C-alpha atoms as a PDB file:
ATOM      1  CA  UNK A   1       0.000   0.000   0.000  1.00  0.00           C
ATOM      2  CA  UNK A   2       2.862   2.389   0.837  1.00  0.00           C
ATOM      3  CA  UNK A   3       4.541   1.586  -2.468  1.00  0.00           C
ATOM      4  CA  UNK A   4       1.278   2.207  -4.339  1.00  0.00           C
ATOM      5  CA  UNK A   5       0.738   5.567  -2.624  1.00  0.00           C
ATOM      6  CA  UNK A   6       4.313   6.645  -3.371  1.00  0.00           C
ATOM      7  CA  UNK A   7       3.915   5.573  -7.018  1.00  0.00           C
ATOM      8  CA  UNK A   8       0.652   7.497  -7.417  1.00  0.00           C
ATOM      9  CA  UNK A   9       2.176  10.572  -5.766  1.00  0.00           C
ATOM     10  CA  UNK A  10       5.201  10.474  -8.090  1.00  0.00           C
ATOM     11  CA  UNK A  11       2.951   9.946 -11.131  1.00  0.00           C
ATOM     12  CA  UNK A  12       0.731  12.886 -10.158  1.00  0.00           C
ATOM     13  CA  UNK A  13       3.757  15.155  -9.694  1.00  0.00           C
ATOM     14  CA  UNK A  14       5.188  14.058 -13.032  1.00  0.00           C
ATOM     15  CA  UNK A  15       1.846  14.677 -14.749  1.00  0.00           C
ATOM     16  CA  UNK A  16       1.537  18.118 -13.147  1.00  0.00           C
ATOM     17  CA  UNK A  17       5.024  19.266 -14.144  1.00  0.00           C
ATOM     18  CA  UNK A  18       4.659  17.790 -17.629  1.00  0.00           C
ATOM     19  CA  UNK A  19       1.375  19.620 -18.122  1.00  0.00           C
ATOM     20  CA  UNK A  20       2.846  22.854 -16.739  1.00  0.00           C
ATOM     21  CA  UNK A  21       5.756  22.532 -19.156  1.00  0.00           C
ATOM     22  CA  UNK A  22       3.359  22.043 -22.072  1.00  0.00           C
ATOM     23  CA  UNK A  23       1.267  25.046 -21.042  1.00  0.00           C
ATOM     24  CA  UNK A  24       4.396  27.197 -20.759  1.00  0.00           C
ATOM     25  CA  UNK A  25       5.658  26.110 -24.182  1.00  0.00           C
ATOM     26  CA  UNK A  26       2.365  27.169 -25.786  1.00  0.00           C
ATOM     27  CA  UNK A  27       2.768  30.725 -24.499  1.00  0.00           C
ATOM     28  CA  UNK A  28       4.658  32.714 -27.184  1.00  0.00           C
ATOM     29  CA  UNK A  29       7.853  34.470 -26.188  1.00  0.00           C
ATOM     30  CA  UNK A  30       7.721  38.211 -25.660  1.00  0.00           C
ATOM     31  CA  UNK A  31       9.963  39.904 -28.214  1.00  0.00           C
ATOM     32  CA  UNK A  32      10.991  43.153 -26.548  1.00  0.00           C
ATOM     33  CA  UNK A  33      13.505  44.276 -29.158  1.00  0.00           C
ATOM     34  CA  UNK A  34      11.514  47.396 -30.076  1.00  0.00           C
ATOM     35  CA  UNK A  35       9.855  47.904 -26.678  1.00  0.00           C
ATOM     36  CA  UNK A  36      10.798  49.756 -23.529  1.00  0.00           C
ATOM     37  CA  UNK A  37      12.580  47.708 -20.836  1.00  0.00           C
ATOM     38  CA  UNK A  38      10.415  46.314 -18.083  1.00  0.00           C
ATOM     39  CA  UNK A  39      10.721  47.831 -14.598  1.00  0.00           C
ATOM     40  CA  UNK A  40      12.004  45.582 -11.836  1.00  0.00           C
ATOM     41  CA  UNK A  41       8.570  45.319 -10.246  1.00  0.00           C
ATOM     42  CA  UNK A  42       7.146  43.758 -13.430  1.00  0.00           C
ATOM     43  CA  UNK A  43       9.983  41.401 -14.340  1.00  0.00           C
ATOM     44  CA  UNK A  44       8.989  38.915 -11.616  1.00  0.00           C
ATOM     45  CA  UNK A  45       5.305  38.901 -12.620  1.00  0.00           C
ATOM     46  CA  UNK A  46       5.873  39.007 -16.372  1.00  0.00           C
ATOM     47  CA  UNK A  47       5.741  35.208 -17.046  1.00  0.00           C
ATOM     48  CA  UNK A  48       2.376  35.094 -15.242  1.00  0.00           C
ATOM     49  CA  UNK A  49       1.239  38.176 -17.206  1.00  0.00           C
ATOM     50  CA  UNK A  50       2.127  36.445 -20.492  1.00  0.00           C
ATOM     51  CA  UNK A  51       0.262  33.327 -19.376  1.00  0.00           C
ATOM     52  CA  UNK A  52      -2.952  35.214 -18.591  1.00  0.00           C
ATOM     53  CA  UNK A  53      -2.699  37.420 -21.680  1.00  0.00           C
ATOM     54  CA  UNK A  54      -2.327  34.348 -23.921  1.00  0.00           C
ATOM     55  CA  UNK A  55      -5.139  32.233 -22.474  1.00  0.00           C
ATOM     56  CA  UNK A  56      -7.690  34.829 -21.290  1.00  0.00           C
ATOM     57  CA  UNK A  57      -7.534  37.650 -23.854  1.00  0.00           C
ATOM     58  CA  UNK A  58      -9.776  35.694 -26.221  1.00  0.00           C
ATOM     59  CA  UNK A  59     -12.660  36.112 -23.772  1.00  0.00           C
ATOM     60  CA  UNK A  60     -12.671  39.931 -23.740  1.00  0.00           C
ATOM     61  CA  UNK A  61     -14.185  42.212 -26.377  1.00  0.00           C
ATOM     62  CA  UNK A  62     -12.397  44.294 -28.977  1.00  0.00           C
ATOM     63  CA  UNK A  63     -13.869  47.457 -27.417  1.00  0.00           C
ATOM     64  CA  UNK A  64     -12.165  46.616 -24.129  1.00  0.00           C
ATOM     65  CA  UNK A  65      -8.827  46.122 -25.893  1.00  0.00           C
ATOM     66  CA  UNK A  66      -9.226  49.470 -27.675  1.00  0.00           C
ATOM     67  CA  UNK A  67      -9.984  51.135 -24.340  1.00  0.00           C
ATOM     68  CA  UNK A  68      -6.844  49.580 -22.843  1.00  0.00           C
ATOM     69  CA  UNK A  69      -4.824  50.741 -25.844  1.00  0.00           C
ATOM     70  CA  UNK A  70      -6.050  54.324 -25.398  1.00  0.00           C
ATOM     71  CA  UNK A  71      -5.275  54.217 -21.683  1.00  0.00           C
ATOM     72  CA  UNK A  72      -1.748  52.921 -22.318  1.00  0.00           C
ATOM     73  CA  UNK A  73      -1.120  55.540 -25.008  1.00  0.00           C
ATOM     74  CA  UNK A  74      -2.243  58.458 -22.828  1.00  0.00           C
ATOM     75  CA  UNK A  75      -0.142  57.189 -19.933  1.00  0.00           C
ATOM     76  CA  UNK A  76       2.931  56.936 -22.185  1.00  0.00           C
ATOM     77  CA  UNK A  77       3.495  53.199 -21.722  1.00  0.00           C
ATOM     78  CA  UNK A  78       2.242  51.972 -25.097  1.00  0.00           C
ATOM     79  CA  UNK A  79       5.815  50.860 -25.894  1.00  0.00           C
ATOM     80  CA  UNK A  80       6.020  48.958 -22.593  1.00  0.00           C
ATOM     81  CA  UNK A  81       3.139  46.514 -23.046  1.00  0.00           C
ATOM     82  CA  UNK A  82       0.291  45.717 -25.405  1.00  0.00           C
ATOM     83  CA  UNK A  83      -3.422  45.954 -24.503  1.00  0.00           C
ATOM     84  CA  UNK A  84      -3.531  42.151 -24.227  1.00  0.00           C
ATOM     85  CA  UNK A  85      -0.574  42.171 -21.842  1.00  0.00           C
ATOM     86  CA  UNK A  86      -2.214  44.907 -19.779  1.00  0.00           C
ATOM     87  CA  UNK A  87      -5.273  42.697 -19.329  1.00  0.00           C
ATOM     88  CA  UNK A  88      -2.920  39.881 -18.327  1.00  0.00           C
ATOM     89  CA  UNK A  89      -1.334  42.230 -15.802  1.00  0.00           C
ATOM     90  CA  UNK A  90      -4.768  42.965 -14.333  1.00  0.00           C
ATOM     91  CA  UNK A  91      -5.477  39.239 -13.986  1.00  0.00           C
ATOM     92  CA  UNK A  92      -2.047  38.576 -12.468  1.00  0.00           C
ATOM     93  CA  UNK A  93      -2.474  41.410  -9.960  1.00  0.00           C
ATOM     94  CA  UNK A  94      -5.946  40.122  -9.020  1.00  0.00           C
ATOM     95  CA  UNK A  95      -4.562  36.609  -8.487  1.00  0.00           C
ATOM     96  CA  UNK A  96      -1.664  37.914  -6.408  1.00  0.00           C
ATOM     97  CA  UNK A  97      -3.903  40.072  -4.200  1.00  0.00           C
ATOM     98  CA  UNK A  98      -6.369  37.207  -3.770  1.00  0.00           C
ATOM     99  CA  UNK A  99      -3.607  34.777  -2.787  1.00  0.00           C
ATOM    100  CA  UNK A 100      -2.087  37.244  -0.308  1.00  0.00           C
ATOM    101  CA  UNK A 101      -5.507  37.955   1.193  1.00  0.00           C
ATOM    102  CA  UNK A 102      -6.236  34.223   1.541  1.00  0.00           C
ATOM    103  CA  UNK A 103      -2.879  33.641   3.224  1.00  0.00           C
ATOM    104  CA  UNK A 104      -3.377  36.613   5.569  1.00  0.00           C
ATOM    105  CA  UNK A 105      -6.904  35.521   6.529  1.00  0.00           C
ATOM    106  CA  UNK A 106      -5.778  31.948   7.185  1.00  0.00           C
ATOM    107  CA  UNK A 107      -3.158  33.322   9.595  1.00  0.00           C
ATOM    108  CA  UNK A 108      -5.635  35.561  11.460  1.00  0.00           C
ATOM    109  CA  UNK A 109      -9.437  35.320  11.492  1.00  0.00           C
ATOM    110  CA  UNK A 110      -9.895  32.488   9.007  1.00  0.00           C
ATOM    111  CA  UNK A 111     -11.015  32.289   5.391  1.00  0.00           C
ATOM    112  CA  UNK A 112     -13.717  34.742   4.303  1.00  0.00           C
ATOM    113  CA  UNK A 113     -14.902  34.717   0.691  1.00  0.00           C
ATOM    114  CA  UNK A 114     -16.060  38.359   0.773  1.00  0.00           C
ATOM    115  CA  UNK A 115     -12.606  39.673   1.731  1.00  0.00           C
ATOM    116  CA  UNK A 116     -11.009  37.483  -0.932  1.00  0.00           C
ATOM    117  CA  UNK A 117     -13.394  38.769  -3.618  1.00  0.00           C
ATOM    118  CA  UNK A 118     -12.686  42.329  -2.494  1.00  0.00           C
ATOM    119  CA  UNK A 119      -8.941  41.657  -2.769  1.00  0.00           C
ATOM    120  CA  UNK A 120      -9.453  40.247  -6.291  1.00  0.00           C
ATOM    121  CA  UNK A 121     -11.370  43.388  -7.308  1.00  0.00           C
ATOM    122  CA  UNK A 122      -8.739  45.725  -5.834  1.00  0.00           C
ATOM    123  CA  UNK A 123      -5.937  43.837  -7.576  1.00  0.00           C
ATOM    124  CA  UNK A 124      -7.771  43.836 -10.909  1.00  0.00           C
ATOM    125  CA  UNK A 125      -8.479  47.580 -10.947  1.00  0.00           C
ATOM    126  CA  UNK A 126      -5.181  48.696  -9.382  1.00  0.00           C
ATOM    127  CA  UNK A 127      -3.225  48.778 -12.711  1.00  0.00           C
ATOM    128  CA  UNK A 128      -5.937  50.969 -14.281  1.00  0.00           C
ATOM    129  CA  UNK A 129      -5.869  53.359 -11.318  1.00  0.00           C
ATOM    130  CA  UNK A 130      -2.073  53.509 -11.514  1.00  0.00           C
ATOM    131  CA  UNK A 131      -2.178  54.342 -15.224  1.00  0.00           C
ATOM    132  CA  UNK A 132      -4.762  57.083 -14.667  1.00  0.00           C
ATOM    133  CA  UNK A 133      -2.572  58.654 -11.983  1.00  0.00           C
ATOM    134  CA  UNK A 134       0.412  58.444 -14.327  1.00  0.00           C
ATOM    135  CA  UNK A 135      -1.603  60.088 -17.102  1.00  0.00           C
ATOM    136  CA  UNK A 136      -2.627  62.983 -14.825  1.00  0.00           C
ATOM    137  CA  UNK A 137       0.980  63.486 -13.792  1.00  0.00           C
ATOM    138  CA  UNK A 138       2.103  63.488 -17.434  1.00  0.00           C
ATOM    139  CA  UNK A 139      -0.569  66.026 -18.389  1.00  0.00           C
ATOM    140  CA  UNK A 140       0.457  68.303 -15.522  1.00  0.00           C
ATOM    141  CA  UNK A 141       4.108  68.140 -16.580  1.00  0.00           C
ATOM    142  CA  UNK A 142       3.233  68.793 -20.236  1.00  0.00           C
ATOM    143  CA  UNK A 143       1.068  71.819 -19.403  1.00  0.00           C
ATOM    144  CA  UNK A 144       3.853  73.176 -17.214  1.00  0.00           C
ATOM    145  CA  UNK A 145       6.505  72.933 -19.950  1.00  0.00           C
ATOM    146  CA  UNK A 146       4.338  73.836 -22.968  1.00  0.00           C
ATOM    147  CA  UNK A 147       4.879  77.654 -22.726  1.00  0.00           C
ATOM    148  CA  UNK A 148       8.649  77.110 -22.511  1.00  0.00           C
ATOM    149  CA  UNK A 149       8.736  75.059 -25.689  1.00  0.00           C
ATOM    150  CA  UNK A 150       6.421  77.482 -27.468  1.00  0.00           C
ATOM    151  CA  UNK A 151       8.925  80.228 -26.636  1.00  0.00           C
ATOM    152  CA  UNK A 152      11.660  78.027 -28.138  1.00  0.00           C
ATOM    153  CA  UNK A 153       9.586  77.582 -31.296  1.00  0.00           C
ATOM    154  CA  UNK A 154       8.898  81.319 -31.538  1.00  0.00           C
ATOM    155  CA  UNK A 155      12.530  82.387 -31.128  1.00  0.00           C
ATOM    156  CA  UNK A 156      13.788  79.773 -33.599  1.00  0.00           C
ATOM    157  CA  UNK A 157      11.173  80.569 -36.249  1.00  0.00           C
ATOM    158  CA  UNK A 158      11.737  84.301 -35.914  1.00  0.00           C
ATOM    159  CA  UNK A 159      15.474  83.658 -36.312  1.00  0.00           C
ATOM    160  CA  UNK A 160      14.805  82.273 -39.795  1.00  0.00           C
ATOM    161  CA  UNK A 161      14.182  78.523 -39.424  1.00  0.00           C
ATOM    162  CA  UNK A 162      11.018  76.665 -40.329  1.00  0.00           C
ATOM    163  CA  UNK A 163       8.826  74.910 -37.765  1.00  0.00           C
ATOM    164  CA  UNK A 164      10.404  71.486 -38.368  1.00  0.00           C
ATOM    165  CA  UNK A 165      13.840  72.878 -37.591  1.00  0.00           C
ATOM    166  CA  UNK A 166      12.392  74.705 -34.588  1.00  0.00           C
ATOM    167  CA  UNK A 167      11.032  71.439 -33.191  1.00  0.00           C
ATOM    168  CA  UNK A 168      14.394  69.741 -33.699  1.00  0.00           C
ATOM    169  CA  UNK A 169      16.246  72.575 -31.974  1.00  0.00           C
ATOM    170  CA  UNK A 170      13.760  72.598 -29.102  1.00  0.00           C
ATOM    171  CA  UNK A 171      14.245  68.857 -28.605  1.00  0.00           C
ATOM    172  CA  UNK A 172      18.025  69.247 -28.521  1.00  0.00           C
ATOM    173  CA  UNK A 173      18.237  72.423 -26.416  1.00  0.00           C
ATOM    174  CA  UNK A 174      15.032  72.372 -24.406  1.00  0.00           C
ATOM    175  CA  UNK A 175      14.569  71.024 -20.877  1.00  0.00           C
ATOM    176  CA  UNK A 176      14.137  67.292 -20.521  1.00  0.00           C
ATOM    177  CA  UNK A 177      10.774  65.867 -19.601  1.00  0.00           C
ATOM    178  CA  UNK A 178       7.604  64.297 -20.944  1.00  0.00           C
ATOM    179  CA  UNK A 179       7.000  66.977 -23.570  1.00  0.00           C
ATOM    180  CA  UNK A 180      10.580  66.652 -24.816  1.00  0.00           C
ATOM    181  CA  UNK A 181      10.049  62.919 -25.243  1.00  0.00           C
ATOM    182  CA  UNK A 182       6.782  63.469 -27.125  1.00  0.00           C
ATOM    183  CA  UNK A 183       8.465  65.978 -29.437  1.00  0.00           C
ATOM    184  CA  UNK A 184      11.174  63.405 -30.079  1.00  0.00           C
ATOM    185  CA  UNK A 185       8.433  61.083 -31.304  1.00  0.00           C
ATOM    186  CA  UNK A 186       7.231  63.902 -33.567  1.00  0.00           C
ATOM    187  CA  UNK A 187      10.700  64.269 -35.096  1.00  0.00           C
ATOM    188  CA  UNK A 188      10.955  60.488 -35.562  1.00  0.00           C
ATOM    189  CA  UNK A 189       7.572  60.457 -37.294  1.00  0.00           C
ATOM    190  CA  UNK A 190       8.698  63.229 -39.646  1.00  0.00           C
ATOM    191  CA  UNK A 191      11.906  61.344 -40.440  1.00  0.00           C
ATOM    192  CA  UNK A 192       9.815  58.235 -41.122  1.00  0.00           C
ATOM    193  CA  UNK A 193       7.891  60.062 -43.853  1.00  0.00           C
ATOM    194  CA  UNK A 194       4.975  61.775 -42.125  1.00  0.00           C
ATOM    195  CA  UNK A 195       4.357  65.421 -42.828  1.00  0.00           C
ATOM    196  CA  UNK A 196       4.931  67.954 -40.085  1.00  0.00           C
ATOM    197  CA  UNK A 197       1.242  68.607 -39.570  1.00  0.00           C
ATOM    198  CA  UNK A 198       0.394  64.894 -39.506  1.00  0.00           C
ATOM    199  CA  UNK A 199       3.074  64.245 -36.882  1.00  0.00           C
ATOM    200  CA  UNK A 200       1.784  67.098 -34.704  1.00  0.00           C
ATOM    201  CA  UNK A 201      -1.798  65.894 -35.051  1.00  0.00           C
ATOM    202  CA  UNK A 202      -0.713  62.384 -34.088  1.00  0.00           C
ATOM    203  CA  UNK A 203       0.865  63.817 -30.924  1.00  0.00           C
ATOM    204  CA  UNK A 204      -2.317  65.730 -30.121  1.00  0.00           C
ATOM    205  CA  UNK A 205      -4.425  62.586 -30.626  1.00  0.00           C
ATOM    206  CA  UNK A 206      -2.081  60.562 -28.401  1.00  0.00           C
ATOM    207  CA  UNK A 207      -2.231  63.001 -25.517  1.00  0.00           C
ATOM    208  CA  UNK A 208      -5.722  64.507 -25.955  1.00  0.00           C
ATOM    209  CA  UNK A 209      -4.822  67.686 -24.054  1.00  0.00           C
ATOM    210  CA  UNK A 210      -6.927  70.700 -24.958  1.00  0.00           C
ATOM    211  CA  UNK A 211      -3.995  73.143 -25.001  1.00  0.00           C
ATOM    212  CA  UNK A 212      -1.944  70.961 -27.334  1.00  0.00           C
ATOM    213  CA  UNK A 213      -4.922  70.414 -29.620  1.00  0.00           C
ATOM    214  CA  UNK A 214      -5.449  74.193 -29.765  1.00  0.00           C
ATOM    215  CA  UNK A 215      -1.779  74.726 -30.623  1.00  0.00           C
ATOM    216  CA  UNK A 216      -1.856  72.164 -33.459  1.00  0.00           C
ATOM    217  CA  UNK A 217      -5.113  73.627 -34.817  1.00  0.00           C
ATOM    218  CA  UNK A 218      -3.582  77.127 -34.797  1.00  0.00           C
ATOM    219  CA  UNK A 219      -0.514  75.885 -36.682  1.00  0.00           C
ATOM    220  CA  UNK A 220      -2.704  74.099 -39.238  1.00  0.00           C
ATOM    221  CA  UNK A 221      -4.833  77.202 -39.733  1.00  0.00           C
ATOM    222  CA  UNK A 222      -1.736  79.365 -40.114  1.00  0.00           C
ATOM    223  CA  UNK A 223      -0.292  77.076 -42.793  1.00  0.00           C
ATOM    224  CA  UNK A 224      -3.638  76.892 -44.571  1.00  0.00           C
ATOM    225  CA  UNK A 225      -4.160  80.663 -44.711  1.00  0.00           C
ATOM    226  CA  UNK A 226      -0.504  81.523 -45.278  1.00  0.00           C
ATOM    227  CA  UNK A 227      -0.234  83.801 -42.256  1.00  0.00           C
ATOM    228  CA  UNK A 228       2.961  84.304 -40.260  1.00  0.00           C
ATOM    229  CA  UNK A 229       3.770  81.177 -38.237  1.00  0.00           C
ATOM    230  CA  UNK A 230       5.980  83.255 -35.940  1.00  0.00           C
ATOM    231  CA  UNK A 231       3.094  85.506 -34.895  1.00  0.00           C
ATOM    232  CA  UNK A 232       0.869  82.473 -34.349  1.00  0.00           C
ATOM    233  CA  UNK A 233       3.487  80.823 -32.143  1.00  0.00           C
ATOM    234  CA  UNK A 234       4.008  84.006 -30.127  1.00  0.00           C
ATOM    235  CA  UNK A 235       0.266  84.368 -29.511  1.00  0.00           C
ATOM    236  CA  UNK A 236       0.024  80.717 -28.493  1.00  0.00           C
ATOM    237  CA  UNK A 237       2.996  81.075 -26.108  1.00  0.00           C
ATOM    238  CA  UNK A 238       1.475  84.171 -24.451  1.00  0.00           C
ATOM    239  CA  UNK A 239      -1.900  82.475 -24.098  1.00  0.00           C
ATOM    240  CA  UNK A 240      -0.425  79.269 -22.603  1.00  0.00           C
ATOM    241  CA  UNK A 241       1.634  81.348 -20.157  1.00  0.00           C
ATOM    242  CA  UNK A 242      -1.456  83.234 -19.006  1.00  0.00           C
ATOM    243  CA  UNK A 243      -3.325  79.951 -18.590  1.00  0.00           C
ATOM    244  CA  UNK A 244      -0.485  78.505 -16.514  1.00  0.00           C
ATOM    245  CA  UNK A 245      -0.594  81.561 -14.249  1.00  0.00           C
ATOM    246  CA  UNK A 246      -4.368  81.194 -13.919  1.00  0.00           C
ATOM    247  CA  UNK A 247      -4.001  77.524 -12.953  1.00  0.00           C
ATOM    248  CA  UNK A 248      -1.483  78.507 -10.280  1.00  0.00           C
ATOM    249  CA  UNK A 249      -3.891  81.130  -8.950  1.00  0.00           C
ATOM    250  CA  UNK A 250      -6.697  78.574  -8.874  1.00  0.00           C
ATOM    251  CA  UNK A 251      -4.583  76.108  -6.895  1.00  0.00           C
ATOM    252  CA  UNK A 252      -3.594  78.854  -4.455  1.00  0.00           C
ATOM    253  CA  UNK A 253      -7.256  79.776  -3.922  1.00  0.00           C
ATOM    254  CA  UNK A 254      -8.195  76.117  -3.401  1.00  0.00           C
ATOM    255  CA  UNK A 255      -5.543  75.592  -0.726  1.00  0.00           C
ATOM    256  CA  UNK A 256      -7.561  77.103   2.198  1.00  0.00           C
ATOM    257  CA  UNK A 257     -10.587  74.986   1.258  1.00  0.00           C
ATOM    258  CA  UNK A 258      -8.481  71.827   1.177  1.00  0.00           C
ATOM    259  CA  UNK A 259      -7.046  72.663   4.600  1.00  0.00           C
ATOM    260  CA  UNK A 260     -10.469  72.730   6.271  1.00  0.00           C
ATOM    261  CA  UNK A 261     -10.779  68.952   6.682  1.00  0.00           C
ATOM    262  CA  UNK A 262      -7.324  68.395   8.266  1.00  0.00           C
ATOM    263  CA  UNK A 263      -7.904  71.379  10.529  1.00  0.00           C
ATOM    264  CA  UNK A 264     -11.312  70.167  11.714  1.00  0.00           C
ATOM    265  CA  UNK A 265     -10.431  66.471  11.892  1.00  0.00           C
ATOM    266  CA  UNK A 266      -6.915  66.585  13.363  1.00  0.00           C
ATOM    267  CA  UNK A 267      -5.599  69.981  14.475  1.00  0.00           C
ATOM    268  CA  UNK A 268      -8.641  71.480  16.233  1.00  0.00           C
ATOM    269  CA  UNK A 269      -9.426  68.377  18.370  1.00  0.00           C
ATOM    270  CA  UNK A 270      -5.826  68.134  19.554  1.00  0.00           C
ATOM    271  CA  UNK A 271      -5.752  71.863  20.292  1.00  0.00           C
ATOM    272  CA  UNK A 272      -8.965  71.647  22.332  1.00  0.00           C
ATOM    273  CA  UNK A 273      -7.628  68.573  24.125  1.00  0.00           C
ATOM    274  CA  UNK A 274      -4.353  70.268  25.091  1.00  0.00           C
ATOM    275  CA  UNK A 275      -6.149  73.426  26.252  1.00  0.00           C
ATOM    276  CA  UNK A 276      -9.050  71.685  27.955  1.00  0.00           C
ATOM    277  CA  UNK A 277      -7.176  68.893  29.744  1.00  0.00           C
ATOM    278  CA  UNK A 278      -5.534  71.120  32.425  1.00  0.00           C
ATOM    279  CA  UNK A 279      -8.848  72.949  32.990  1.00  0.00           C
ATOM    280  CA  UNK A 280     -10.743  69.668  33.355  1.00  0.00           C
ATOM    281  CA  UNK A 281      -8.145  68.261  35.746  1.00  0.00           C
ATOM    282  CA  UNK A 282      -8.271  71.434  37.855  1.00  0.00           C
ATOM    283  CA  UNK A 283     -12.064  71.230  38.162  1.00  0.00           C
ATOM    284  CA  UNK A 284     -11.876  67.560  39.079  1.00  0.00           C
ATOM    285  CA  UNK A 285      -9.336  68.081  41.879  1.00  0.00           C
ATOM    286  CA  UNK A 286     -11.183  71.133  43.217  1.00  0.00           C
ATOM    287  CA  UNK A 287     -14.422  69.156  43.411  1.00  0.00           C
END
């Protein structure tokens, strides 16, 4: 009986590892020759991400993949992973959170299906929340640097160069950041055969920022009507600078409102406690 149990155990292990090897071999290798390198936090999970993206992507709709593609493009990580791999990342994160929650519950209060389902949901939506935060940060950085680069364009065009040369000079001499990287993509698109206006419109469609869309529309209108591109760029730079100052004023005016909750919830109670404790103790001892 002991020999039979040992034989069945060895056969089951062999079958499991053989099946796992076959499943792994069916997953295509990820060719990252023309992609951005993976961060360290993703390198450990990436085999699991490829597994989920290969076997589960067929069950999601094309609309969902297009939505993931748009989200990746706006966050600036469309060269890091594909929409299918992003869905695999969501599944891998949900599995990891669910496993950690199950392990934590088994060590404390015991297994609870509701907490596990909540952990699965948090893990699944966490990559999307992270990308949205990254997109907001990118948009803030782009809006901050846009007037600077418009000044570069204006000075270079007024010095005698065309807009394509102005973009190239701004990329080489301008401050580094997200907008510099996006303008590098514009120059690469122009070198690949796209016209200047098409490359700028592609950048505006990638980012979908109102100020950039307005700038590209003004440049297109200037080229269509034959007006001075230098004057158009100067007007756009002045307008973007005024808008940046107005955003700073708005944030400064919102600061007192945002301070109300910490004041009421944390600072005022502690202040009343420090002031009232000696008075309360004095009344207690006098009584």
